């Protein structure tokens, strides 16, 4: 973590997230109104959640997002004191649909405790869907994702009134 002022000068910096993952891959950072929420991949295709305060202290770390190491690349949206997290997941693969990955999501509280089960959002046959960001406003939820269902990459969007 590094912090810069409005002119871009570093005022706090190079503070390491205290993760136990040997080679984490950063995917997303979100501001929840109080802290920085971090989504990253760990080993064996496992998505994780972490949180750091404004001076760089690690508050949460290595909170698993998806069960069983079946995907990763968690994208986080903070809304209404909850974290809405979506990721690409390949738990639905079969030998015939080896490249199939789907978008799943869950909702957690600000401590990383799941409030709903992991929920599948896309249903494709041997298509790859990648990285989505769920965005909320007071009336709807929207998400966009990269999908290969036509054989070449296409961007899809869906919205749901709440």
Protein backbone atom coordinates (compact mmCIF):
# COMPACT_ATOMS: atom_id res chain seq x y z
CA UNK A 1 0.00 0.00 0.00
CA UNK A 2 1.11 3.53 -0.69
CA UNK A 3 -0.81 6.73 -0.09
CA UNK A 4 -0.48 9.88 -2.17
CA UNK A 5 -1.82 13.39 -1.72
CA UNK A 6 -4.00 15.19 -4.26
CA UNK A 7 -0.87 16.31 -6.14
CA UNK A 8 0.35 12.73 -6.51
CA UNK A 9 3.22 12.97 -4.02
CA UNK A 10 3.72 9.91 -1.83
CA UNK A 11 2.88 10.69 1.83
CA UNK A 12 2.71 7.14 3.19
CA UNK A 13 4.02 4.22 1.44
CA UNK A 14 5.22 0.82 0.58
CA UNK A 15 3.40 -1.01 3.37
CA UNK A 16 3.00 -4.73 2.77
CA UNK A 17 -0.30 -6.54 3.27
CA UNK A 18 0.48 -9.22 5.84
CA UNK A 19 -0.77 -12.16 3.77
CA UNK A 20 0.33 -15.77 4.25
CA UNK A 21 -0.09 -16.46 0.54
CA UNK A 22 3.34 -17.08 -1.04
CA UNK A 23 2.59 -15.25 -4.30
CA UNK A 24 -0.73 -13.39 -4.21
CA UNK A 25 -2.07 -11.76 -7.37
CA UNK A 26 -3.89 -8.46 -6.85
CA UNK A 27 -7.24 -8.23 -8.62
CA UNK A 28 -9.28 -5.41 -7.06
CA UNK A 29 -9.21 -2.64 -4.46
CA UNK A 30 -12.37 -0.97 -3.17
CA UNK A 31 -12.99 1.80 -0.61
CA UNK A 32 -15.79 0.92 1.82
CA UNK A 33 -16.09 4.37 3.37
CA UNK A 34 -13.64 3.52 6.17
CA UNK A 35 -11.05 1.07 4.86
CA UNK A 36 -9.50 -0.35 1.71
CA UNK A 37 -10.90 -3.75 0.74
CA UNK A 38 -8.63 -5.91 -1.38
CA UNK A 39 -9.51 -8.86 -3.61
CA UNK A 40 -6.68 -11.15 -4.66
CA UNK A 41 -5.87 -14.64 -5.86
CA UNK A 42 -3.85 -16.99 -3.76
CA UNK A 43 -2.55 -20.43 -4.53
CA UNK A 44 -4.66 -23.11 -6.21
CA UNK A 45 -7.19 -20.73 -7.80
CA UNK A 46 -8.54 -19.43 -4.50
CA UNK A 47 -9.95 -15.90 -4.25
CA UNK A 48 -9.28 -13.98 -1.03
CA UNK A 49 -10.48 -10.86 0.74
CA UNK A 50 -8.33 -8.54 2.85
CA UNK A 51 -8.77 -5.13 4.42
CA UNK A 52 -6.33 -2.37 5.36
CA UNK A 53 -7.00 0.86 7.22
CA UNK A 54 -6.00 4.31 5.98
CA UNK A 55 -2.53 4.13 7.54
CA UNK A 56 -1.73 0.68 6.20
CA UNK A 57 -2.56 -1.65 9.08
CA UNK A 58 -3.82 -5.07 7.99
CA UNK A 59 -7.29 -5.57 9.48
CA UNK A 60 -8.41 -8.73 7.64
CA UNK A 61 -6.29 -11.03 5.52
CA UNK A 62 -6.58 -14.32 3.61
CA UNK A 63 -10.37 -14.60 3.98
CA UNK A 64 -11.35 -17.24 1.37
CA UNK A 65 -14.02 -16.16 -1.10
CA UNK A 66 -14.74 -19.33 -3.08
CA UNK A 67 -14.75 -22.84 -1.71
CA UNK A 68 -12.56 -25.63 -2.93
CA UNK A 69 -10.10 -23.63 -4.99
CA UNK A 70 -12.38 -23.57 -8.01
CA UNK A 71 -11.74 -20.10 -9.36
CA UNK A 72 -10.66 -16.64 -8.42
CA UNK A 73 -10.14 -13.04 -9.50
CA UNK A 74 -12.61 -11.59 -6.96
CA UNK A 75 -14.09 -8.21 -7.81
CA UNK A 76 -15.57 -6.32 -4.86
CA UNK A 77 -18.25 -3.66 -4.53
CA UNK A 78 -18.99 -2.13 -1.14
CA UNK A 79 -22.61 -1.11 -0.68
CA UNK A 80 -24.91 -0.72 2.33
CA UNK A 81 -22.30 -2.03 4.86
CA UNK A 82 -21.79 -5.22 2.85
CA UNK A 83 -19.30 -6.52 0.30
CA UNK A 84 -20.70 -7.88 -2.95
CA UNK A 85 -18.05 -10.13 -4.47
CA UNK A 86 -18.06 -11.76 -7.91
CA UNK A 87 -15.48 -14.09 -9.45
CA UNK A 88 -14.84 -16.51 -12.31
CA UNK A 89 -15.34 -20.10 -11.16
CA UNK A 90 -14.77 -23.43 -12.89
CA UNK A 91 -16.48 -25.81 -10.46
CA UNK A 92 -19.05 -26.67 -13.16
CA UNK A 93 -16.50 -28.05 -15.63
CA UNK A 94 -16.82 -31.54 -17.00
CA UNK A 95 -14.45 -33.45 -19.32
CA UNK A 96 -16.68 -32.34 -22.22
CA UNK A 97 -16.76 -28.69 -21.11
CA UNK A 98 -13.18 -28.28 -19.95
CA UNK A 99 -12.95 -24.54 -20.68
CA UNK A 100 -16.23 -23.70 -18.98
CA UNK A 101 -16.07 -21.11 -16.24
CA UNK A 102 -19.01 -19.25 -14.77
CA UNK A 103 -19.55 -16.10 -12.74
CA UNK A 104 -20.44 -16.66 -9.09
CA UNK A 105 -21.04 -14.14 -6.35
CA UNK A 106 -21.60 -13.87 -2.65
CA UNK A 107 -22.35 -11.16 -0.13
CA UNK A 108 -20.32 -10.75 3.06
CA UNK A 109 -20.47 -8.48 6.03
CA UNK A 110 -17.56 -6.09 6.64
CA UNK A 111 -15.71 -8.85 8.54
CA UNK A 112 -15.77 -11.21 5.56
CA UNK A 113 -18.51 -13.49 6.94
CA UNK A 114 -20.71 -14.82 4.13
CA UNK A 115 -24.33 -13.69 4.37
CA UNK A 116 -25.56 -15.78 1.43
CA UNK A 117 -24.26 -18.98 -0.21
CA UNK A 118 -22.03 -18.78 -3.27
CA UNK A 119 -24.50 -18.15 -6.10
CA UNK A 120 -24.05 -18.91 -9.79
CA UNK A 121 -24.97 -15.99 -12.09
CA UNK A 122 -24.16 -17.31 -15.57
CA UNK A 123 -25.15 -20.58 -17.25
CA UNK A 124 -23.14 -21.37 -20.37
CA UNK A 125 -22.16 -24.58 -22.18
CA UNK A 126 -18.38 -24.78 -22.53
CA UNK A 127 -17.96 -21.02 -22.62
CA UNK A 128 -15.51 -19.04 -20.61
CA UNK A 129 -16.71 -16.05 -18.64
CA UNK A 130 -14.19 -13.80 -16.98
CA UNK A 131 -13.95 -11.04 -14.37
CA UNK A 132 -17.08 -9.18 -13.52
CA UNK A 133 -17.74 -6.18 -11.35
CA UNK A 134 -21.11 -5.90 -9.61
CA UNK A 135 -22.28 -2.31 -9.20
CA UNK A 136 -25.21 -1.25 -7.03
CA UNK A 137 -27.32 1.82 -6.70
CA UNK A 138 -30.47 2.32 -4.64
CA UNK A 139 -32.75 0.73 -7.27
CA UNK A 140 -30.77 -1.90 -9.17
CA UNK A 141 -27.76 -4.17 -9.43
CA UNK A 142 -25.76 -4.25 -12.65
CA UNK A 143 -22.91 -6.43 -13.79
CA UNK A 144 -20.81 -6.81 -16.92
CA UNK A 145 -18.56 -9.69 -17.92
CA UNK A 146 -16.37 -10.96 -20.72
CA UNK A 147 -17.91 -14.05 -22.31
CA UNK A 148 -16.72 -16.43 -25.06
CA UNK A 149 -20.09 -18.11 -25.77
CA UNK A 150 -20.00 -17.06 -29.44
CA UNK A 151 -16.42 -18.31 -29.85
CA UNK A 152 -14.83 -14.88 -29.63
CA UNK A 153 -14.75 -12.52 -26.66
CA UNK A 154 -17.86 -10.39 -26.20
CA UNK A 155 -18.92 -8.11 -23.36
CA UNK A 156 -22.32 -8.82 -21.81
CA UNK A 157 -24.34 -6.81 -19.30
CA UNK A 158 -27.26 -7.69 -17.03
CA UNK A 159 -29.22 -5.61 -14.54
CA UNK A 160 -31.75 -6.54 -11.90
CA UNK A 161 -34.12 -4.18 -10.12
CA UNK A 162 -33.92 -4.57 -6.38
